[in-house]
């Protein structure tokens, strides 16, 4: 785990190791959200290249709802 500090203007520097790992560059867009008491920062458009069944879950879709929807679709196929 890597720690960062919140500055006087509430800015946080993402540590170099993490920036390199996920290929963040200056002016990259990120999405900031909360999950419980955690802050989550996700690169915007970071789900490119996902294919196949379940790729829609990458946008935050609830897995249970996703499976229900698939089952309904499968039930209506000839």
PDB file of N, CA and C in Angstrom:
ATOM      1  N   UNK A   1       0.851  -1.168   0.000  1.00  0.00           N
ATOM      2  CA  UNK A   1       0.000   0.000   0.000  1.00  0.00           C
ATOM      3  C   UNK A   1       0.897   1.231   0.000  1.00  0.00           C
ATOM      4  N   UNK A   2       0.512   2.217  -0.784  1.00  0.00           N
ATOM      5  CA  UNK A   2       1.279   3.441  -0.906  1.00  0.00           C
ATOM      6  C   UNK A   2       0.438   4.594  -0.368  1.00  0.00           C
ATOM      7  N   UNK A   3       1.037   5.449   0.457  1.00  0.00           N
ATOM      8  CA  UNK A   3       0.306   6.576   1.009  1.00  0.00           C
ATOM      9  C   UNK A   3       0.582   7.847   0.208  1.00  0.00           C
ATOM     10  N   UNK A   4      -0.399   8.729   0.185  1.00  0.00           N
ATOM     11  CA  UNK A   4      -0.261  10.047  -0.429  1.00  0.00           C
ATOM     12  C   UNK A   4      -0.813  11.058   0.574  1.00  0.00           C
ATOM     13  N   UNK A   5      -0.494  12.320   0.372  1.00  0.00           N
ATOM     14  CA  UNK A   5      -0.927  13.374   1.279  1.00  0.00           C
ATOM     15  C   UNK A   5      -1.865  14.328   0.551  1.00  0.00           C
ATOM     16  N   UNK A   6      -2.900  14.780   1.238  1.00  0.00           N
ATOM     17  CA  UNK A   6      -3.808  15.778   0.686  1.00  0.00           C
ATOM     18  C   UNK A   6      -3.201  17.148   0.985  1.00  0.00           C
ATOM     19  N   UNK A   7      -3.009  17.947  -0.067  1.00  0.00           N
ATOM     20  CA  UNK A   7      -2.427  19.275   0.081  1.00  0.00           C
ATOM     21  C   UNK A   7      -3.431  20.297   0.577  1.00  0.00           C
ATOM     22  N   UNK A   8      -2.946  21.549   0.760  1.00  0.00           N
ATOM     23  CA  UNK A   8      -3.802  22.628   1.258  1.00  0.00           C
ATOM     24  C   UNK A   8      -4.996  22.893   0.358  1.00  0.00           C
ATOM     25  N   UNK A   9      -4.859  22.639  -0.943  1.00  0.00           N
ATOM     26  CA  UNK A   9      -5.961  22.856  -1.886  1.00  0.00           C
ATOM     27  C   UNK A   9      -6.692  21.548  -2.204  1.00  0.00           C
ATOM     28  N   UNK A  10      -6.584  20.568  -1.334  1.00  0.00           N
ATOM     29  CA  UNK A  10      -7.242  19.272  -1.458  1.00  0.00           C
ATOM     30  C   UNK A  10      -6.780  18.495  -2.683  1.00  0.00           C
ATOM     31  N   UNK A  11      -5.569  18.716  -3.110  1.00  0.00           N
ATOM     32  CA  UNK A  11      -5.012  17.979  -4.234  1.00  0.00           C
ATOM     33  C   UNK A  11      -4.206  16.808  -3.713  1.00  0.00           C
ATOM     34  N   UNK A  12      -4.229  15.716  -4.473  1.00  0.00           N
ATOM     35  CA  UNK A  12      -3.476  14.520  -4.121  1.00  0.00           C
ATOM     36  C   UNK A  12      -2.597  14.162  -5.312  1.00  0.00           C
ATOM     37  N   UNK A  13      -1.327  13.912  -5.055  1.00  0.00           N
ATOM     38  CA  UNK A  13      -0.422  13.469  -6.112  1.00  0.00           C
ATOM     39  C   UNK A  13      -0.467  11.947  -6.141  1.00  0.00           C
ATOM     40  N   UNK A  14      -0.772  11.395  -7.308  1.00  0.00           N
ATOM     41  CA  UNK A  14      -0.783   9.937  -7.460  1.00  0.00           C
ATOM     42  C   UNK A  14       0.672   9.497  -7.583  1.00  0.00           C
ATOM     43  N   UNK A  15       1.120   8.598  -6.712  1.00  0.00           N
ATOM     44  CA  UNK A  15       2.527   8.191  -6.716  1.00  0.00           C
ATOM     45  C   UNK A  15       2.986   7.639  -8.069  1.00  0.00           C
ATOM     46  N   UNK A  16       4.237   7.893  -8.396  1.00  0.00           N
ATOM     47  CA  UNK A  16       4.832   7.519  -9.682  1.00  0.00           C
ATOM     48  C   UNK A  16       4.617   6.043 -10.011  1.00  0.00           C
ATOM     49  N   UNK A  17       4.814   5.181  -9.036  1.00  0.00           N
ATOM     50  CA  UNK A  17       4.666   3.736  -9.265  1.00  0.00           C
ATOM     51  C   UNK A  17       3.277   3.393  -9.800  1.00  0.00           C
ATOM     52  N   UNK A  18       2.271   4.014  -9.234  1.00  0.00           N
ATOM     53  CA  UNK A  18       0.892   3.751  -9.665  1.00  0.00           C
ATOM     54  C   UNK A  18       0.618   4.400 -11.018  1.00  0.00           C
ATOM     55  N   UNK A  19       1.094   5.644 -11.212  1.00  0.00           N
ATOM     56  CA  UNK A  19       0.903   6.310 -12.516  1.00  0.00           C
ATOM     57  C   UNK A  19       1.488   5.483 -13.642  1.00  0.00           C
ATOM     58  N   UNK A  20       2.662   4.948 -13.419  1.00  0.00           N
ATOM     59  CA  UNK A  20       3.311   4.138 -14.466  1.00  0.00           C
ATOM     60  C   UNK A  20       2.572   2.827 -14.694  1.00  0.00           C
ATOM     61  N   UNK A  21       2.127   2.217 -13.616  1.00  0.00           N
ATOM     62  CA  UNK A  21       1.439   0.929 -13.715  1.00  0.00           C
ATOM     63  C   UNK A  21       0.179   1.018 -14.565  1.00  0.00           C
ATOM     64  N   UNK A  22      -0.572   2.136 -14.442  1.00  0.00           N
ATOM     65  CA  UNK A  22      -1.821   2.264 -15.201  1.00  0.00           C
ATOM     66  C   UNK A  22      -1.723   3.298 -16.312  1.00  0.00           C
ATOM     67  N   UNK A  23      -0.500   3.735 -16.599  1.00  0.00           N
ATOM     68  CA  UNK A  23      -0.208   4.610 -17.733  1.00  0.00           C
ATOM     69  C   UNK A  23      -0.980   5.938 -17.687  1.00  0.00           C
ATOM     70  N   UNK A  24      -0.971   6.603 -16.529  1.00  0.00           N
ATOM     71  CA  UNK A  24      -1.573   7.927 -16.412  1.00  0.00           C
ATOM     72  C   UNK A  24      -0.572   8.972 -16.882  1.00  0.00           C
ATOM     73  N   UNK A  25      -1.044   9.923 -17.616  1.00  0.00           N
ATOM     74  CA  UNK A  25      -0.234  11.021 -18.136  1.00  0.00           C
ATOM     75  C   UNK A  25      -0.835  12.338 -17.647  1.00  0.00           C
ATOM     76  N   UNK A  26      -0.071  13.453 -17.722  1.00  0.00           N
ATOM     77  CA  UNK A  26      -0.665  14.743 -17.356  1.00  0.00           C
ATOM     78  C   UNK A  26      -1.922  15.018 -18.184  1.00  0.00           C
ATOM     79  N   UNK A  27      -2.913  15.565 -17.539  1.00  0.00           N
ATOM     80  CA  UNK A  27      -4.216  15.892 -18.126  1.00  0.00           C
ATOM     81  C   UNK A  27      -5.061  14.661 -18.460  1.00  0.00           C
ATOM     82  N   UNK A  28      -4.668  13.479 -17.972  1.00  0.00           N
ATOM     83  CA  UNK A  28      -5.524  12.300 -18.131  1.00  0.00           C
ATOM     84  C   UNK A  28      -6.803  12.530 -17.339  1.00  0.00           C
ATOM     85  N   UNK A  29      -7.908  12.036 -17.843  1.00  0.00           N
ATOM     86  CA  UNK A  29      -9.188  12.147 -17.149  1.00  0.00           C
ATOM     87  C   UNK A  29      -9.368  10.948 -16.235  1.00  0.00           C
ATOM     88  N   UNK A  30      -9.874  11.189 -15.040  1.00  0.00           N
ATOM     89  CA  UNK A  30     -10.160  10.122 -14.097  1.00  0.00           C
ATOM     90  C   UNK A  30     -11.552  10.330 -13.520  1.00  0.00           C
ATOM     91  N   UNK A  31     -12.155   9.263 -13.061  1.00  0.00           N
ATOM     92  CA  UNK A  31     -13.440   9.321 -12.377  1.00  0.00           C
ATOM     93  C   UNK A  31     -13.176   9.106 -10.896  1.00  0.00           C
ATOM     94  N   UNK A  32     -13.754   9.953 -10.056  1.00  0.00           N
ATOM     95  CA  UNK A  32     -13.576   9.848  -8.610  1.00  0.00           C
ATOM     96  C   UNK A  32     -14.923   9.496  -8.001  1.00  0.00           C
ATOM     97  N   UNK A  33     -14.942   8.449  -7.182  1.00  0.00           N
ATOM     98  CA  UNK A  33     -16.193   8.016  -6.562  1.00  0.00           C
ATOM     99  C   UNK A  33     -15.905   7.470  -5.173  1.00  0.00           C
ATOM    100  N   UNK A  34     -16.941   7.197  -4.437  1.00  0.00           N
ATOM    101  CA  UNK A  34     -16.787   6.581  -3.128  1.00  0.00           C
ATOM    102  C   UNK A  34     -17.417   5.196  -3.147  1.00  0.00           C
ATOM    103  N   UNK A  35     -16.820   4.320  -2.381  1.00  0.00           N
ATOM    104  CA  UNK A  35     -17.386   2.986  -2.122  1.00  0.00           C
ATOM    105  C   UNK A  35     -17.290   2.797  -0.614  1.00  0.00           C
ATOM    106  N   UNK A  36     -18.428   2.984   0.050  1.00  0.00           N
ATOM    107  CA  UNK A  36     -18.398   2.974   1.508  1.00  0.00           C
ATOM    108  C   UNK A  36     -17.607   4.179   1.983  1.00  0.00           C
ATOM    109  N   UNK A  37     -16.594   3.964   2.814  1.00  0.00           N
ATOM    110  CA  UNK A  37     -15.770   5.075   3.305  1.00  0.00           C
ATOM    111  C   UNK A  37     -14.470   5.205   2.519  1.00  0.00           C
ATOM    112  N   UNK A  38     -14.382   4.545   1.350  1.00  0.00           N
ATOM    113  CA  UNK A  38     -13.186   4.593   0.515  1.00  0.00           C
ATOM    114  C   UNK A  38     -13.366   5.543  -0.656  1.00  0.00           C
ATOM    115  N   UNK A  39     -12.273   6.175  -1.060  1.00  0.00           N
ATOM    116  CA  UNK A  39     -12.260   7.001  -2.269  1.00  0.00           C
ATOM    117  C   UNK A  39     -11.643   6.145  -3.366  1.00  0.00           C
ATOM    118  N   UNK A  40     -12.303   6.072  -4.509  1.00  0.00           N
ATOM    119  CA  UNK A  40     -11.827   5.269  -5.625  1.00  0.00           C
ATOM    120  C   UNK A  40     -11.585   6.200  -6.809  1.00  0.00           C
ATOM    121  N   UNK A  41     -10.391   6.115  -7.388  1.00  0.00           N
ATOM    122  CA  UNK A  41     -10.045   6.904  -8.573  1.00  0.00           C
ATOM    123  C   UNK A  41      -9.802   5.930  -9.706  1.00  0.00           C
ATOM    124  N   UNK A  42     -10.565   6.081 -10.786  1.00  0.00           N
ATOM    125  CA  UNK A  42     -10.493   5.159 -11.913  1.00  0.00           C
ATOM    126  C   UNK A  42     -10.206   5.949 -13.182  1.00  0.00           C
ATOM    127  N   UNK A  43      -9.228   5.504 -13.982  1.00  0.00           N
ATOM    128  CA  UNK A  43      -8.991   6.201 -15.248  1.00  0.00           C
ATOM    129  C   UNK A  43     -10.250   6.175 -16.108  1.00  0.00           C
ATOM    130  N   UNK A  44     -10.656   7.323 -16.629  1.00  0.00           N
ATOM    131  CA  UNK A  44     -11.815   7.366 -17.517  1.00  0.00           C
ATOM    132  C   UNK A  44     -11.453   6.686 -18.824  1.00  0.00           C
ATOM    133  N   UNK A  45     -12.381   5.894 -19.335  1.00  0.00           N
ATOM    134  CA  UNK A  45     -12.082   5.142 -20.543  1.00  0.00           C
ATOM    135  C   UNK A  45     -11.120   3.997 -20.275  1.00  0.00           C
ATOM    136  N   UNK A  46     -10.945   3.664 -19.013  1.00  0.00           N
ATOM    137  CA  UNK A  46      -9.995   2.625 -18.653  1.00  0.00           C
ATOM    138  C   UNK A  46     -10.469   1.213 -18.905  1.00  0.00           C
ATOM    139  N   UNK A  47     -11.627   1.050 -19.520  1.00  0.00           N
ATOM    140  CA  UNK A  47     -12.144  -0.289 -19.768  1.00  0.00           C
ATOM    141  C   UNK A  47     -12.042  -0.659 -21.244  1.00  0.00           C
ATOM    142  N   UNK A  48     -11.244   0.092 -21.993  1.00  0.00           N
ATOM    143  CA  UNK A  48     -11.077  -0.240 -23.406  1.00  0.00           C
ATOM    144  C   UNK A  48     -10.467  -1.626 -23.530  1.00  0.00           C
ATOM    145  N   UNK A  49     -10.879  -2.323 -24.540  1.00  0.00           N
ATOM    146  CA  UNK A  49     -10.278  -3.615 -24.805  1.00  0.00           C
ATOM    147  C   UNK A  49     -10.947  -4.784 -24.102  1.00  0.00           C
ATOM    148  N   UNK A  50     -11.994  -4.532 -23.341  1.00  0.00           N
ATOM    149  CA  UNK A  50     -12.695  -5.646 -22.713  1.00  0.00           C
ATOM    150  C   UNK A  50     -13.712  -6.198 -23.694  1.00  0.00           C
ATOM    151  N   UNK A  51     -13.697  -7.481 -23.850  1.00  0.00           N
ATOM    152  CA  UNK A  51     -14.579  -8.143 -24.801  1.00  0.00           C
ATOM    153  C   UNK A  51     -15.280  -9.300 -24.125  1.00  0.00           C
ATOM    154  N   UNK A  52     -16.387  -9.718 -24.723  1.00  0.00           N
ATOM    155  CA  UNK A  52     -17.049 -10.943 -24.294  1.00  0.00           C
ATOM    156  C   UNK A  52     -18.065 -10.737 -23.189  1.00  0.00           C
ATOM    157  N   UNK A  53     -18.553 -11.846 -22.707  1.00  0.00           N
ATOM    158  CA  UNK A  53     -19.572 -11.870 -21.676  1.00  0.00           C
ATOM    159  C   UNK A  53     -19.052 -11.184 -20.412  1.00  0.00           C
ATOM    160  N   UNK A  54     -19.802 -10.269 -19.878  1.00  0.00           N
ATOM    161  CA  UNK A  54     -19.429  -9.608 -18.641  1.00  0.00           C
ATOM    162  C   UNK A  54     -18.710  -8.287 -18.821  1.00  0.00           C
ATOM    163  N   UNK A  55     -18.376  -7.909 -20.050  1.00  0.00           N
ATOM    164  CA  UNK A  55     -17.642  -6.655 -20.254  1.00  0.00           C
ATOM    165  C   UNK A  55     -18.437  -5.453 -19.764  1.00  0.00           C
ATOM    166  N   UNK A  56     -19.782  -5.562 -19.744  1.00  0.00           N
ATOM    167  CA  UNK A  56     -20.624  -4.457 -19.290  1.00  0.00           C
ATOM    168  C   UNK A  56     -20.492  -4.203 -17.790  1.00  0.00           C
ATOM    169  N   UNK A  57     -19.965  -5.151 -17.050  1.00  0.00           N
ATOM    170  CA  UNK A  57     -19.798  -4.969 -15.610  1.00  0.00           C
ATOM    171  C   UNK A  57     -18.717  -3.946 -15.302  1.00  0.00           C
ATOM    172  N   UNK A  58     -17.837  -3.666 -16.253  1.00  0.00           N
ATOM    173  CA  UNK A  58     -16.742  -2.726 -16.025  1.00  0.00           C
ATOM    174  C   UNK A  58     -17.235  -1.306 -15.816  1.00  0.00           C
ATOM    175  N   UNK A  59     -18.473  -0.996 -16.197  1.00  0.00           N
ATOM    176  CA  UNK A  59     -18.986   0.366 -16.019  1.00  0.00           C
ATOM    177  C   UNK A  59     -19.707   0.537 -14.689  1.00  0.00           C
ATOM    178  N   UNK A  60     -19.597  -0.439 -13.800  1.00  0.00           N
ATOM    179  CA  UNK A  60     -20.217  -0.339 -12.485  1.00  0.00           C
ATOM    180  C   UNK A  60     -21.582  -0.979 -12.388  1.00  0.00           C
ATOM    181  N   UNK A  61     -22.029  -1.663 -13.447  1.00  0.00           N
ATOM    182  CA  UNK A  61     -23.315  -2.351 -13.430  1.00  0.00           C
ATOM    183  C   UNK A  61     -23.311  -3.409 -12.336  1.00  0.00           C
ATOM    184  N   UNK A  62     -24.420  -3.515 -11.617  1.00  0.00           N
ATOM    185  CA  UNK A  62     -24.541  -4.522 -10.570  1.00  0.00           C
ATOM    186  C   UNK A  62     -24.550  -5.918 -11.192  1.00  0.00           C
ATOM    187  N   UNK A  63     -23.707  -6.812 -10.695  1.00  0.00           N
ATOM    188  CA  UNK A  63     -23.558  -8.143 -11.279  1.00  0.00           C
ATOM    189  C   UNK A  63     -24.852  -8.949 -11.220  1.00  0.00           C
ATOM    190  N   UNK A  64     -25.588  -8.836 -10.125  1.00  0.00           N
ATOM    191  CA  UNK A  64     -26.830  -9.593  -9.989  1.00  0.00           C
ATOM    192  C   UNK A  64     -27.854  -9.142 -11.024  1.00  0.00           C
ATOM    193  N   UNK A  65     -27.986  -7.823 -11.187  1.00  0.00           N
ATOM    194  CA  UNK A  65     -28.914  -7.299 -12.198  1.00  0.00           C
ATOM    195  C   UNK A  65     -28.484  -7.714 -13.599  1.00  0.00           C
ATOM    196  N   UNK A  66     -27.194  -7.715 -13.838  1.00  0.00           N
ATOM    197  CA  UNK A  66     -26.655  -8.085 -15.145  1.00  0.00           C
ATOM    198  C   UNK A  66     -27.007  -9.541 -15.480  1.00  0.00           C
ATOM    199  N   UNK A  67     -26.827 -10.429 -14.529  1.00  0.00           N
ATOM    200  CA  UNK A  67     -27.132 -11.848 -14.750  1.00  0.00           C
ATOM    201  C   UNK A  67     -28.632 -12.041 -14.963  1.00  0.00           C
ATOM    202  N   UNK A  68     -29.456 -11.351 -14.186  1.00  0.00           N
ATOM    203  CA  UNK A  68     -30.915 -11.439 -14.381  1.00  0.00           C
ATOM    204  C   UNK A  68     -31.302 -11.011 -15.797  1.00  0.00           C
ATOM    205  N   UNK A  69     -30.712  -9.923 -16.248  1.00  0.00           N
ATOM    206  CA  UNK A  69     -31.012  -9.436 -17.588  1.00  0.00           C
ATOM    207  C   UNK A  69     -30.591 -10.456 -18.646  1.00  0.00           C
ATOM    208  N   UNK A  70     -29.417 -11.031 -18.498  1.00  0.00           N
ATOM    209  CA  UNK A  70     -28.959 -12.054 -19.446  1.00  0.00           C
ATOM    210  C   UNK A  70     -29.897 -13.258 -19.467  1.00  0.00           C
ATOM    211  N   UNK A  71     -30.310 -13.701 -18.297  1.00  0.00           N
ATOM    212  CA  UNK A  71     -31.203 -14.859 -18.231  1.00  0.00           C
ATOM    213  C   UNK A  71     -32.529 -14.570 -18.927  1.00  0.00           C
ATOM    214  N   UNK A  72     -33.029 -13.335 -18.757  1.00  0.00           N
ATOM    215  CA  UNK A  72     -34.273 -12.960 -19.446  1.00  0.00           C
ATOM    216  C   UNK A  72     -34.072 -12.976 -20.950  1.00  0.00           C
ATOM    217  N   UNK A  73     -32.963 -12.432 -21.410  1.00  0.00           N
ATOM    218  CA  UNK A  73     -32.677 -12.419 -22.844  1.00  0.00           C
ATOM    219  C   UNK A  73     -32.533 -13.831 -23.382  1.00  0.00           C
ATOM    220  N   UNK A  74     -31.850 -14.674 -22.670  1.00  0.00           N
ATOM    221  CA  UNK A  74     -31.647 -16.047 -23.123  1.00  0.00           C
ATOM    222  C   UNK A  74     -32.962 -16.820 -23.176  1.00  0.00           C
ATOM    223  N   UNK A  75     -33.877 -16.489 -22.247  1.00  0.00           N
ATOM    224  CA  UNK A  75     -35.164 -17.165 -22.214  1.00  0.00           C
ATOM    225  C   UNK A  75     -36.051 -16.814 -23.406  1.00  0.00           C
ATOM    226  N   UNK A  76     -35.796 -15.679 -24.030  1.00  0.00           N
ATOM    227  CA  UNK A  76     -36.603 -15.225 -25.157  1.00  0.00           C
ATOM    228  C   UNK A  76     -36.024 -15.601 -26.512  1.00  0.00           C
ATOM    229  N   UNK A  77     -34.940 -16.297 -26.537  1.00  0.00           N
ATOM    230  CA  UNK A  77     -34.332 -16.663 -27.829  1.00  0.00           C
ATOM    231  C   UNK A  77     -35.021 -17.905 -28.402  1.00  0.00           C
ATOM    232  N   UNK A  78     -35.140 -17.945 -29.748  1.00  0.00           N
ATOM    233  CA  UNK A  78     -35.812 -19.091 -30.374  1.00  0.00           C
ATOM    234  C   UNK A  78     -35.002 -20.366 -30.273  1.00  0.00           C
TER     235      UNK A  78
END
